[in-house]
Amino acid sequence: MKFLVIGAITMGAIVFSLLPILSAHYFEPTIKDSIRFNVYFLPLSFIGNIVLSWGFIQGSKTFGNTVMLGGLQTGIYAVMVTILSIFVLQQKISVYSILGIILIGIGTVFLNK
C-alpha cells in the first residue's frame, strides 16, 4: 500500500507539473488562450486531482504524516518542472535551481523523520 500511495502522489505531482509547461509551450499568455487551455486540459487536471487526493487520503491512513506527503509532492513537482522546462521549453537551469531542489529533498527527508 505504501508504494501505491507514493506512486499516486508522484503521478499527481507529475500531471500538475506538466500543465504549466504545456501552457507555456503551446498557448499565448492571453485570457482567451488561458480559458482554452483550461477547457482542453480539464480532463487531465481532473484525473490528476483524483489520483493526488486518493494518495493523500490513503497516505494519511498509512503513514500518519500528511506533512511528509506534502513535502514529497512539492519536491517531485519542483524536480519535474525543472526537468520539463529544460527539455520542452529549452530553458537553462541555474545553480539556484539545483540548490533549491537539493534543499527541498533535504526538507522532505527531515519531514519524514
PDB file of N, CA and C in Angstrom:
ATOM      1  N   MET A   1       0.820  -1.195   0.000  1.00  0.00           N
ATOM      2  CA  MET A   1       0.000   0.000   0.000  1.00  0.00           C
ATOM      3  C   MET A   1       0.866   1.261   0.000  1.00  0.00           C
ATOM      4  N   LYS A   2       2.020   1.184   0.669  1.00  0.00           N
ATOM      5  CA  LYS A   2       2.896   2.353   0.720  1.00  0.00           C
ATOM      6  C   LYS A   2       3.384   2.751  -0.664  1.00  0.00           C
ATOM      7  N   PHE A   3       3.708   1.762  -1.494  1.00  0.00           N
ATOM      8  CA  PHE A   3       4.181   2.070  -2.843  1.00  0.00           C
ATOM      9  C   PHE A   3       3.063   2.654  -3.702  1.00  0.00           C
ATOM     10  N   LEU A   4       1.828   2.192  -3.501  1.00  0.00           N
ATOM     11  CA  LEU A   4       0.701   2.751  -4.230  1.00  0.00           C
ATOM     12  C   LEU A   4       0.468   4.212  -3.856  1.00  0.00           C
ATOM     13  N   VAL A   5       0.579   4.511  -2.577  1.00  0.00           N
ATOM     14  CA  VAL A   5       0.395   5.886  -2.106  1.00  0.00           C
ATOM     15  C   VAL A   5       1.475   6.798  -2.692  1.00  0.00           C
ATOM     16  N   ILE A   6       2.717   6.370  -2.592  1.00  0.00           N
ATOM     17  CA  ILE A   6       3.821   7.174  -3.127  1.00  0.00           C
ATOM     18  C   ILE A   6       3.691   7.296  -4.646  1.00  0.00           C
ATOM     19  N   GLY A   7       3.283   6.225  -5.308  1.00  0.00           N
ATOM     20  CA  GLY A   7       3.066   6.276  -6.750  1.00  0.00           C
ATOM     21  C   GLY A   7       1.944   7.226  -7.132  1.00  0.00           C
ATOM     22  N   ALA A   8       0.858   7.233  -6.370  1.00  0.00           N
ATOM     23  CA  ALA A   8      -0.266   8.130  -6.659  1.00  0.00           C
ATOM     24  C   ALA A   8       0.146   9.588  -6.473  1.00  0.00           C
ATOM     25  N   ILE A   9       0.872   9.873  -5.420  1.00  0.00           N
ATOM     26  CA  ILE A   9       1.329  11.249  -5.189  1.00  0.00           C
ATOM     27  C   ILE A   9       2.333  11.658  -6.265  1.00  0.00           C
ATOM     28  N   THR A  10       3.187  10.732  -6.656  1.00  0.00           N
ATOM     29  CA  THR A  10       4.147  11.012  -7.724  1.00  0.00           C
ATOM     30  C   THR A  10       3.426  11.289  -9.040  1.00  0.00           C
ATOM     31  N   MET A  11       2.462  10.455  -9.400  1.00  0.00           N
ATOM     32  CA  MET A  11       1.732  10.655 -10.657  1.00  0.00           C
ATOM     33  C   MET A  11       0.941  11.954 -10.638  1.00  0.00           C
ATOM     34  N   GLY A  12       0.306  12.267  -9.520  1.00  0.00           N
ATOM     35  CA  GLY A  12      -0.431  13.522  -9.420  1.00  0.00           C
ATOM     36  C   GLY A  12       0.483  14.728  -9.546  1.00  0.00           C
ATOM     37  N   ALA A  13       1.648  14.659  -8.912  1.00  0.00           N
ATOM     38  CA  ALA A  13       2.609  15.766  -8.995  1.00  0.00           C
ATOM     39  C   ALA A  13       3.149  15.902 -10.417  1.00  0.00           C
ATOM     40  N   ILE A  14       3.350  14.795 -11.101  1.00  0.00           N
ATOM     41  CA  ILE A  14       3.832  14.852 -12.491  1.00  0.00           C
ATOM     42  C   ILE A  14       2.777  15.487 -13.390  1.00  0.00           C
ATOM     43  N   VAL A  15       1.521  15.113 -13.203  1.00  0.00           N
ATOM     44  CA  VAL A  15       0.451  15.707 -14.007  1.00  0.00           C
ATOM     45  C   VAL A  15       0.399  17.212 -13.784  1.00  0.00           C
ATOM     46  N   PHE A  16       0.454  17.637 -12.522  1.00  0.00           N
ATOM     47  CA  PHE A  16       0.351  19.064 -12.237  1.00  0.00           C
ATOM     48  C   PHE A  16       1.623  19.832 -12.583  1.00  0.00           C
ATOM     49  N   SER A  17       2.742  19.158 -12.728  1.00  0.00           N
ATOM     50  CA  SER A  17       3.938  19.843 -13.216  1.00  0.00           C
ATOM     51  C   SER A  17       3.942  19.943 -14.729  1.00  0.00           C
ATOM     52  N   LEU A  18       3.229  19.037 -15.377  1.00  0.00           N
ATOM     53  CA  LEU A  18       3.139  19.060 -16.829  1.00  0.00           C
ATOM     54  C   LEU A  18       2.239  20.189 -17.331  1.00  0.00           C
ATOM     55  N   LEU A  19       1.209  20.527 -16.580  1.00  0.00           N
ATOM     56  CA  LEU A  19       0.234  21.520 -17.031  1.00  0.00           C
ATOM     57  C   LEU A  19       0.832  22.899 -17.298  1.00  0.00           C
ATOM     58  N   PRO A  20       1.618  23.499 -16.397  1.00  0.00           N
ATOM     59  CA  PRO A  20       2.171  24.828 -16.725  1.00  0.00           C
ATOM     60  C   PRO A  20       3.179  24.794 -17.871  1.00  0.00           C
ATOM     61  N   ILE A  21       3.895  23.682 -18.028  1.00  0.00           N
ATOM     62  CA  ILE A  21       4.856  23.563 -19.126  1.00  0.00           C
ATOM     63  C   ILE A  21       4.118  23.526 -20.458  1.00  0.00           C
ATOM     64  N   LEU A  22       3.054  22.729 -20.537  1.00  0.00           N
ATOM     65  CA  LEU A  22       2.254  22.675 -21.763  1.00  0.00           C
ATOM     66  C   LEU A  22       1.610  24.021 -22.063  1.00  0.00           C
ATOM     67  N   SER A  23       1.154  24.685 -21.019  1.00  0.00           N
ATOM     68  CA  SER A  23       0.546  26.002 -21.192  1.00  0.00           C
ATOM     69  C   SER A  23       1.546  27.004 -21.753  1.00  0.00           C
ATOM     70  N   ALA A  24       2.743  27.024 -21.207  1.00  0.00           N
ATOM     71  CA  ALA A  24       3.764  27.964 -21.674  1.00  0.00           C
ATOM     72  C   ALA A  24       4.250  27.620 -23.073  1.00  0.00           C
ATOM     73  N   HIS A  25       4.239  26.348 -23.412  1.00  0.00           N
ATOM     74  CA  HIS A  25       4.772  25.924 -24.711  1.00  0.00           C
ATOM     75  C   HIS A  25       3.780  26.121 -25.865  1.00  0.00           C
ATOM     76  N   TYR A  26       2.521  25.819 -25.625  1.00  0.00           N
ATOM     77  CA  TYR A  26       1.558  25.784 -26.719  1.00  0.00           C
ATOM     78  C   TYR A  26       0.587  26.957 -26.777  1.00  0.00           C
ATOM     79  N   PHE A  27       0.495  27.753 -25.735  1.00  0.00           N
ATOM     80  CA  PHE A  27      -0.517  28.794 -25.683  1.00  0.00           C
ATOM     81  C   PHE A  27       0.112  30.156 -25.420  1.00  0.00           C
ATOM     82  N   GLU A  28      -0.524  31.194 -25.950  1.00  0.00           N
ATOM     83  CA  GLU A  28      -0.090  32.571 -25.716  1.00  0.00           C
ATOM     84  C   GLU A  28      -0.630  33.041 -24.360  1.00  0.00           C
ATOM     85  N   PRO A  29       0.040  34.008 -23.731  1.00  0.00           N
ATOM     86  CA  PRO A  29      -0.427  34.476 -22.415  1.00  0.00           C
ATOM     87  C   PRO A  29      -1.581  35.475 -22.532  1.00  0.00           C
ATOM     88  N   THR A  30      -2.700  35.015 -23.026  1.00  0.00           N
ATOM     89  CA  THR A  30      -3.897  35.846 -23.120  1.00  0.00           C
ATOM     90  C   THR A  30      -5.029  35.166 -22.355  1.00  0.00           C
ATOM     91  N   ILE A  31      -6.040  35.940 -22.045  1.00  0.00           N
ATOM     92  CA  ILE A  31      -7.191  35.378 -21.324  1.00  0.00           C
ATOM     93  C   ILE A  31      -7.876  34.310 -22.185  1.00  0.00           C
ATOM     94  N   LYS A  32      -8.028  34.591 -23.471  1.00  0.00           N
ATOM     95  CA  LYS A  32      -8.696  33.644 -24.376  1.00  0.00           C
ATOM     96  C   LYS A  32      -7.944  32.306 -24.418  1.00  0.00           C
ATOM     97  N   ASP A  33      -6.625  32.359 -24.582  1.00  0.00           N
ATOM     98  CA  ASP A  33      -5.847  31.118 -24.608  1.00  0.00           C
ATOM     99  C   ASP A  33      -5.818  30.427 -23.254  1.00  0.00           C
ATOM    100  N   SER A  34      -5.837  31.205 -22.190  1.00  0.00           N
ATOM    101  CA  SER A  34      -5.873  30.611 -20.852  1.00  0.00           C
ATOM    102  C   SER A  34      -7.165  29.832 -20.638  1.00  0.00           C
ATOM    103  N   ILE A  35      -8.268  30.401 -21.077  1.00  0.00           N
ATOM    104  CA  ILE A  35      -9.557  29.697 -20.959  1.00  0.00           C
ATOM    105  C   ILE A  35      -9.546  28.445 -21.835  1.00  0.00           C
ATOM    106  N   ARG A  36      -9.052  28.588 -23.058  1.00  0.00           N
ATOM    107  CA  ARG A  36      -8.973  27.442 -23.971  1.00  0.00           C
ATOM    108  C   ARG A  36      -8.118  26.322 -23.381  1.00  0.00           C
ATOM    109  N   PHE A  37      -6.947  26.688 -22.825  1.00  0.00           N
ATOM    110  CA  PHE A  37      -6.059  25.689 -22.223  1.00  0.00           C
ATOM    111  C   PHE A  37      -6.770  24.937 -21.103  1.00  0.00           C
ATOM    112  N   ASN A  38      -7.432  25.675 -20.227  1.00  0.00           N
ATOM    113  CA  ASN A  38      -8.099  25.021 -19.096  1.00  0.00           C
ATOM    114  C   ASN A  38      -9.251  24.137 -19.538  1.00  0.00           C
ATOM    115  N   VAL A  39      -9.943  24.510 -20.606  1.00  0.00           N
ATOM    116  CA  VAL A  39     -11.015  23.651 -21.124  1.00  0.00           C
ATOM    117  C   VAL A  39     -10.422  22.392 -21.747  1.00  0.00           C
ATOM    118  N   TYR A  40      -9.350  22.545 -22.537  1.00  0.00           N
ATOM    119  CA  TYR A  40      -8.733  21.388 -23.193  1.00  0.00           C
ATOM    120  C   TYR A  40      -8.161  20.391 -22.186  1.00  0.00           C
ATOM    121  N   PHE A  41      -7.512  20.920 -21.146  1.00  0.00           N
ATOM    122  CA  PHE A  41      -6.794  20.045 -20.221  1.00  0.00           C
ATOM    123  C   PHE A  41      -7.554  19.779 -18.923  1.00  0.00           C
ATOM    124  N   LEU A  42      -8.850  20.126 -18.895  1.00  0.00           N
ATOM    125  CA  LEU A  42      -9.659  19.842 -17.713  1.00  0.00           C
ATOM    126  C   LEU A  42      -9.705  18.352 -17.381  1.00  0.00           C
ATOM    127  N   PRO A  43      -9.889  17.451 -18.366  1.00  0.00           N
ATOM    128  CA  PRO A  43      -9.895  16.019 -18.014  1.00  0.00           C
ATOM    129  C   PRO A  43      -8.583  15.549 -17.383  1.00  0.00           C
ATOM    130  N   LEU A  44      -7.445  16.004 -17.918  1.00  0.00           N
ATOM    131  CA  LEU A  44      -6.150  15.621 -17.347  1.00  0.00           C
ATOM    132  C   LEU A  44      -5.994  16.175 -15.931  1.00  0.00           C
ATOM    133  N   SER A  45      -6.396  17.415 -15.748  1.00  0.00           N
ATOM    134  CA  SER A  45      -6.325  18.034 -14.422  1.00  0.00           C
ATOM    135  C   SER A  45      -7.245  17.320 -13.434  1.00  0.00           C
ATOM    136  N   PHE A  46      -8.419  16.938 -13.889  1.00  0.00           N
ATOM    137  CA  PHE A  46      -9.380  16.231 -13.043  1.00  0.00           C
ATOM    138  C   PHE A  46      -8.830  14.873 -12.611  1.00  0.00           C
ATOM    139  N   ILE A  47      -8.264  14.122 -13.555  1.00  0.00           N
ATOM    140  CA  ILE A  47      -7.684  12.811 -13.237  1.00  0.00           C
ATOM    141  C   ILE A  47      -6.500  12.969 -12.287  1.00  0.00           C
ATOM    142  N   GLY A  48      -5.638  13.963 -12.555  1.00  0.00           N
ATOM    143  CA  GLY A  48      -4.501  14.213 -11.660  1.00  0.00           C
ATOM    144  C   GLY A  48      -4.946  14.552 -10.247  1.00  0.00           C
ATOM    145  N   ASN A  49      -6.019  15.328 -10.137  1.00  0.00           N
ATOM    146  CA  ASN A  49      -6.525  15.700  -8.821  1.00  0.00           C
ATOM    147  C   ASN A  49      -7.118  14.502  -8.087  1.00  0.00           C
ATOM    148  N   ILE A  50      -7.795  13.623  -8.812  1.00  0.00           N
ATOM    149  CA  ILE A  50      -8.352  12.415  -8.190  1.00  0.00           C
ATOM    150  C   ILE A  50      -7.230  11.519  -7.670  1.00  0.00           C
ATOM    151  N   VAL A  51      -6.218  11.298  -8.502  1.00  0.00           N
ATOM    152  CA  VAL A  51      -5.101  10.432  -8.106  1.00  0.00           C
ATOM    153  C   VAL A  51      -4.362  11.032  -6.902  1.00  0.00           C
ATOM    154  N   LEU A  52      -4.125  12.337  -6.953  1.00  0.00           N
ATOM    155  CA  LEU A  52      -3.410  13.002  -5.862  1.00  0.00           C
ATOM    156  C   LEU A  52      -4.215  12.977  -4.563  1.00  0.00           C
ATOM    157  N   SER A  53      -5.514  13.237  -4.650  1.00  0.00           N
ATOM    158  CA  SER A  53      -6.316  13.225  -3.418  1.00  0.00           C
ATOM    159  C   SER A  53      -6.432  11.812  -2.852  1.00  0.00           C
ATOM    160  N   TRP A  54      -6.536  10.792  -3.716  1.00  0.00           N
ATOM    161  CA  TRP A  54      -6.548   9.420  -3.220  1.00  0.00           C
ATOM    162  C   TRP A  54      -5.230   9.114  -2.504  1.00  0.00           C
ATOM    163  N   GLY A  55      -4.119   9.568  -3.085  1.00  0.00           N
ATOM    164  CA  GLY A  55      -2.823   9.349  -2.448  1.00  0.00           C
ATOM    165  C   GLY A  55      -2.733   9.996  -1.086  1.00  0.00           C
ATOM    166  N   PHE A  56      -3.269  11.209  -0.965  1.00  0.00           N
ATOM    167  CA  PHE A  56      -3.231  11.883   0.335  1.00  0.00           C
ATOM    168  C   PHE A  56      -4.166  11.234   1.350  1.00  0.00           C
ATOM    169  N   ILE A  57      -5.341  10.824   0.904  1.00  0.00           N
ATOM    170  CA  ILE A  57      -6.288  10.182   1.827  1.00  0.00           C
ATOM    171  C   ILE A  57      -5.720   8.861   2.339  1.00  0.00           C
ATOM    172  N   GLN A  58      -5.233   8.014   1.419  1.00  0.00           N
ATOM    173  CA  GLN A  58      -4.659   6.738   1.839  1.00  0.00           C
ATOM    174  C   GLN A  58      -3.335   6.935   2.576  1.00  0.00           C
ATOM    175  N   GLY A  59      -2.574   7.939   2.152  1.00  0.00           N
ATOM    176  CA  GLY A  59      -1.286   8.211   2.801  1.00  0.00           C
ATOM    177  C   GLY A  59      -1.431   8.664   4.236  1.00  0.00           C
ATOM    178  N   SER A  60      -2.484   9.425   4.515  1.00  0.00           N
ATOM    179  CA  SER A  60      -2.682   9.850   5.905  1.00  0.00           C
ATOM    180  C   SER A  60      -3.039   8.674   6.799  1.00  0.00           C
ATOM    181  N   LYS A  61      -3.722   7.677   6.222  1.00  0.00           N
ATOM    182  CA  LYS A  61      -4.028   6.459   6.982  1.00  0.00           C
ATOM    183  C   LYS A  61      -2.790   5.577   7.113  1.00  0.00           C
ATOM    184  N   THR A  62      -2.020   5.453   6.039  1.00  0.00           N
ATOM    185  CA  THR A  62      -0.882   4.540   6.014  1.00  0.00           C
ATOM    186  C   THR A  62       0.308   5.086   6.787  1.00  0.00           C
ATOM    187  N   PHE A  63       0.686   6.343   6.475  1.00  0.00           N
ATOM    188  CA  PHE A  63       1.878   6.929   7.086  1.00  0.00           C
ATOM    189  C   PHE A  63       1.561   7.735   8.332  1.00  0.00           C
ATOM    190  N   GLY A  64       0.362   8.310   8.408  1.00  0.00           N
ATOM    191  CA  GLY A  64       0.006   9.145   9.542  1.00  0.00           C
ATOM    192  C   GLY A  64       0.744  10.475   9.543  1.00  0.00           C
ATOM    193  N   ASN A  65       1.289  10.869   8.392  1.00  0.00           N
ATOM    194  CA  ASN A  65       2.084  12.088   8.312  1.00  0.00           C
ATOM    195  C   ASN A  65       1.799  12.778   6.974  1.00  0.00           C
ATOM    196  N   THR A  66       0.772  13.628   6.953  1.00  0.00           N
ATOM    197  CA  THR A  66       0.436  14.302   5.704  1.00  0.00           C
ATOM    198  C   THR A  66       1.436  15.397   5.359  1.00  0.00           C
ATOM    199  N   VAL A  67       2.149  15.910   6.343  1.00  0.00           N
ATOM    200  CA  VAL A  67       3.171  16.924   6.075  1.00  0.00           C
ATOM    201  C   VAL A  67       4.283  16.317   5.215  1.00  0.00           C
ATOM    202  N   MET A  68       4.685  15.105   5.515  1.00  0.00           N
ATOM    203  CA  MET A  68       5.708  14.425   4.724  1.00  0.00           C
ATOM    204  C   MET A  68       5.218  14.192   3.300  1.00  0.00           C
ATOM    205  N   LEU A  69       3.935  13.840   3.133  1.00  0.00           N
ATOM    206  CA  LEU A  69       3.381  13.631   1.804  1.00  0.00           C
ATOM    207  C   LEU A  69       3.340  14.933   1.014  1.00  0.00           C
ATOM    208  N   GLY A  70       3.006  16.026   1.678  1.00  0.00           N
ATOM    209  CA  GLY A  70       3.024  17.334   1.022  1.00  0.00           C
ATOM    210  C   GLY A  70       4.425  17.729   0.598  1.00  0.00           C
ATOM    211  N   GLY A  71       5.407  17.441   1.444  1.00  0.00           N
ATOM    212  CA  GLY A  71       6.801  17.703   1.087  1.00  0.00           C
ATOM    213  C   GLY A  71       7.250  16.853  -0.088  1.00  0.00           C
ATOM    214  N   LEU A  72       6.811  15.619  -0.122  1.00  0.00           N
ATOM    215  CA  LEU A  72       7.126  14.723  -1.240  1.00  0.00           C
ATOM    216  C   LEU A  72       6.527  15.265  -2.537  1.00  0.00           C
ATOM    217  N   GLN A  73       5.271  15.688  -2.483  1.00  0.00           N
ATOM    218  CA  GLN A  73       4.621  16.243  -3.666  1.00  0.00           C
ATOM    219  C   GLN A  73       5.333  17.512  -4.143  1.00  0.00           C
ATOM    220  N   THR A  74       5.697  18.390  -3.220  1.00  0.00           N
ATOM    221  CA  THR A  74       6.391  19.623  -3.576  1.00  0.00           C
ATOM    222  C   THR A  74       7.740  19.335  -4.207  1.00  0.00           C
ATOM    223  N   GLY A  75       8.467  18.381  -3.660  1.00  0.00           N
ATOM    224  CA  GLY A  75       9.772  18.024  -4.206  1.00  0.00           C
ATOM    225  C   GLY A  75       9.674  17.455  -5.609  1.00  0.00           C
ATOM    226  N   ILE A  76       8.730  16.543  -5.809  1.00  0.00           N
ATOM    227  CA  ILE A  76       8.547  15.945  -7.136  1.00  0.00           C
ATOM    228  C   ILE A  76       8.109  17.009  -8.128  1.00  0.00           C
ATOM    229  N   TYR A  77       7.217  17.882  -7.691  1.00  0.00           N
ATOM    230  CA  TYR A  77       6.742  18.959  -8.556  1.00  0.00           C
ATOM    231  C   TYR A  77       7.903  19.862  -8.987  1.00  0.00           C
ATOM    232  N   ALA A  78       8.747  20.257  -8.055  1.00  0.00           N
ATOM    233  CA  ALA A  78       9.871  21.142  -8.379  1.00  0.00           C
ATOM    234  C   ALA A  78      10.859  20.472  -9.326  1.00  0.00           C
ATOM    235  N   VAL A  79      11.152  19.216  -9.085  1.00  0.00           N
ATOM    236  CA  VAL A  79      12.090  18.495  -9.948  1.00  0.00           C
ATOM    237  C   VAL A  79      11.505  18.329 -11.351  1.00  0.00           C
ATOM    238  N   MET A  80      10.242  17.959 -11.433  1.00  0.00           N
ATOM    239  CA  MET A  80       9.627  17.728 -12.739  1.00  0.00           C
ATOM    240  C   MET A  80       9.475  19.021 -13.539  1.00  0.00           C
ATOM    241  N   VAL A  81       9.104  20.119 -12.884  1.00  0.00           N
ATOM    242  CA  VAL A  81       9.002  21.395 -13.602  1.00  0.00           C
ATOM    243  C   VAL A  81      10.366  21.797 -14.135  1.00  0.00           C
ATOM    244  N   THR A  82      11.414  21.583 -13.354  1.00  0.00           N
ATOM    245  CA  THR A  82      12.765  21.909 -13.812  1.00  0.00           C
ATOM    246  C   THR A  82      13.167  21.047 -14.994  1.00  0.00           C
ATOM    247  N   ILE A  83      12.957  19.746 -14.890  1.00  0.00           N
ATOM    248  CA  ILE A  83      13.337  18.831 -15.969  1.00  0.00           C
ATOM    249  C   ILE A  83      12.531  19.119 -17.237  1.00  0.00           C
ATOM    250  N   LEU A  84      11.233  19.307 -17.100  1.00  0.00           N
ATOM    251  CA  LEU A  84      10.398  19.580 -18.272  1.00  0.00           C
ATOM    252  C   LEU A  84      10.721  20.940 -18.883  1.00  0.00           C
ATOM    253  N   SER A  85      11.087  21.915 -18.061  1.00  0.00           N
ATOM    254  CA  SER A  85      11.484  23.222 -18.585  1.00  0.00           C
ATOM    255  C   SER A  85      12.751  23.117 -19.419  1.00  0.00           C
ATOM    256  N   ILE A  86      13.663  22.277 -18.982  1.00  0.00           N
ATOM    257  CA  ILE A  86      14.910  22.094 -19.732  1.00  0.00           C
ATOM    258  C   ILE A  86      14.634  21.424 -21.071  1.00  0.00           C
ATOM    259  N   PHE A  87      13.846  20.336 -21.065  1.00  0.00           N
ATOM    260  CA  PHE A  87      13.660  19.560 -22.282  1.00  0.00           C
ATOM    261  C   PHE A  87      12.580  20.104 -23.213  1.00  0.00           C
ATOM    262  N   VAL A  88      11.481  20.597 -22.679  1.00  0.00           N
ATOM    263  CA  VAL A  88      10.388  21.053 -23.528  1.00  0.00           C
ATOM    264  C   VAL A  88      10.547  22.524 -23.914  1.00  0.00           C
ATOM    265  N   LEU A  89      10.894  23.372 -22.941  1.00  0.00           N
ATOM    266  CA  LEU A  89      10.993  24.811 -23.209  1.00  0.00           C
ATOM    267  C   LEU A  89      12.408  25.267 -23.544  1.00  0.00           C
ATOM    268  N   GLN A  90      13.381  24.355 -23.494  1.00  0.00           N
ATOM    269  CA  GLN A  90      14.791  24.645 -23.768  1.00  0.00           C
ATOM    270  C   GLN A  90      15.327  25.789 -22.897  1.00  0.00           C
ATOM    271  N   GLN A  91      14.983  25.753 -21.614  1.00  0.00           N
ATOM    272  CA  GLN A  91      15.469  26.763 -20.688  1.00  0.00           C
ATOM    273  C   GLN A  91      16.734  26.261 -20.007  1.00  0.00           C
ATOM    274  N   LYS A  92      17.563  27.181 -19.593  1.00  0.00           N
ATOM    275  CA  LYS A  92      18.810  26.856 -18.880  1.00  0.00           C
ATOM    276  C   LYS A  92      18.510  26.743 -17.390  1.00  0.00           C
ATOM    277  N   ILE A  93      19.149  25.777 -16.740  1.00  0.00           N
ATOM    278  CA  ILE A  93      18.989  25.606 -15.300  1.00  0.00           C
ATOM    279  C   ILE A  93      20.100  26.379 -14.597  1.00  0.00           C
ATOM    280  N   SER A  94      19.744  27.029 -13.506  1.00  0.00           N
ATOM    281  CA  SER A  94      20.730  27.819 -12.774  1.00  0.00           C
ATOM    282  C   SER A  94      21.207  27.051 -11.549  1.00  0.00           C
ATOM    283  N   VAL A  95      22.264  27.552 -10.969  1.00  0.00           N
ATOM    284  CA  VAL A  95      22.802  26.959  -9.739  1.00  0.00           C
ATOM    285  C   VAL A  95      21.769  27.074  -8.624  1.00  0.00           C
ATOM    286  N   TYR A  96      21.018  28.184  -8.616  1.00  0.00           N
ATOM    287  CA  TYR A  96      19.998  28.369  -7.580  1.00  0.00           C
ATOM    288  C   TYR A  96      18.869  27.350  -7.704  1.00  0.00           C
ATOM    289  N   SER A  97      18.539  26.956  -8.926  1.00  0.00           N
ATOM    290  CA  SER A  97      17.523  25.924  -9.123  1.00  0.00           C
ATOM    291  C   SER A  97      17.997  24.590  -8.565  1.00  0.00           C
ATOM    292  N   ILE A  98      19.230  24.251  -8.845  1.00  0.00           N
ATOM    293  CA  ILE A  98      19.789  22.996  -8.330  1.00  0.00           C
ATOM    294  C   ILE A  98      19.842  23.026  -6.809  1.00  0.00           C
ATOM    295  N   LEU A  99      20.287  24.136  -6.245  1.00  0.00           N
ATOM    296  CA  LEU A  99      20.350  24.276  -4.790  1.00  0.00           C
ATOM    297  C   LEU A  99      18.954  24.174  -4.178  1.00  0.00           C
ATOM    298  N   GLY A 100      17.959  24.799  -4.821  1.00  0.00           N
ATOM    299  CA  GLY A 100      16.591  24.723  -4.318  1.00  0.00           C
ATOM    300  C   GLY A 100      16.048  23.312  -4.322  1.00  0.00           C
ATOM    301  N   ILE A 101      16.321  22.564  -5.372  1.00  0.00           N
ATOM    302  CA  ILE A 101      15.862  21.178  -5.448  1.00  0.00           C
ATOM    303  C   ILE A 101      16.523  20.330  -4.364  1.00  0.00           C
ATOM    304  N   ILE A 102      17.808  20.562  -4.138  1.00  0.00           N
ATOM    305  CA  ILE A 102      18.522  19.823  -3.084  1.00  0.00           C
ATOM    306  C   ILE A 102      17.932  20.144  -1.716  1.00  0.00           C
ATOM    307  N   LEU A 103      17.638  21.418  -1.480  1.00  0.00           N
ATOM    308  CA  LEU A 103      17.057  21.809  -0.190  1.00  0.00           C
ATOM    309  C   LEU A 103      15.657  21.232   0.002  1.00  0.00           C
ATOM    310  N   ILE A 104      14.878  21.168  -1.070  1.00  0.00           N
ATOM    311  CA  ILE A 104      13.556  20.538  -0.968  1.00  0.00           C
ATOM    312  C   ILE A 104      13.700  19.061  -0.620  1.00  0.00           C
ATOM    313  N   GLY A 105      14.644  18.378  -1.254  1.00  0.00           N
ATOM    314  CA  GLY A 105      14.891  16.971  -0.939  1.00  0.00           C
ATOM    315  C   GLY A 105      15.297  16.765   0.507  1.00  0.00           C
ATOM    316  N   ILE A 106      16.194  17.625   1.001  1.00  0.00           N
ATOM    317  CA  ILE A 106      16.618  17.531   2.402  1.00  0.00           C
ATOM    318  C   ILE A 106      15.428  17.803   3.328  1.00  0.00           C
ATOM    319  N   GLY A 107      14.605  18.791   2.986  1.00  0.00           N
ATOM    320  CA  GLY A 107      13.439  19.089   3.805  1.00  0.00           C
ATOM    321  C   GLY A 107      12.444  17.939   3.845  1.00  0.00           C
ATOM    322  N   THR A 108      12.268  17.259   2.729  1.00  0.00           N
ATOM    323  CA  THR A 108      11.369  16.105   2.693  1.00  0.00           C
ATOM    324  C   THR A 108      11.893  14.980   3.582  1.00  0.00           C
ATOM    325  N   VAL A 109      13.196  14.784   3.568  1.00  0.00           N
ATOM    326  CA  VAL A 109      13.787  13.757   4.446  1.00  0.00           C
ATOM    327  C   VAL A 109      13.564  14.127   5.912  1.00  0.00           C
ATOM    328  N   PHE A 110      13.761  15.405   6.254  1.00  0.00           N
ATOM    329  CA  PHE A 110      13.545  15.845   7.632  1.00  0.00           C
ATOM    330  C   PHE A 110      12.083  15.733   8.049  1.00  0.00           C
ATOM    331  N   LEU A 111      11.150  16.009   7.113  1.00  0.00           N
ATOM    332  CA  LEU A 111       9.739  15.876   7.433  1.00  0.00           C
ATOM    333  C   LEU A 111       9.356  14.432   7.705  1.00  0.00           C
ATOM    334  N   ASN A 112      10.078  13.504   7.123  1.00  0.00           N
ATOM    335  CA  ASN A 112       9.802  12.091   7.304  1.00  0.00           C
ATOM    336  C   ASN A 112      10.315  11.561   8.636  1.00  0.00           C
ATOM    337  N   LYS A 113      11.256  12.250   9.240  1.00  0.00           N
ATOM    338  CA  LYS A 113      11.838  11.768  10.498  1.00  0.00           C
ATOM    339  C   LYS A 113      11.016  12.151  11.702  1.00  0.00           C
TER     340      LYS A 113
END
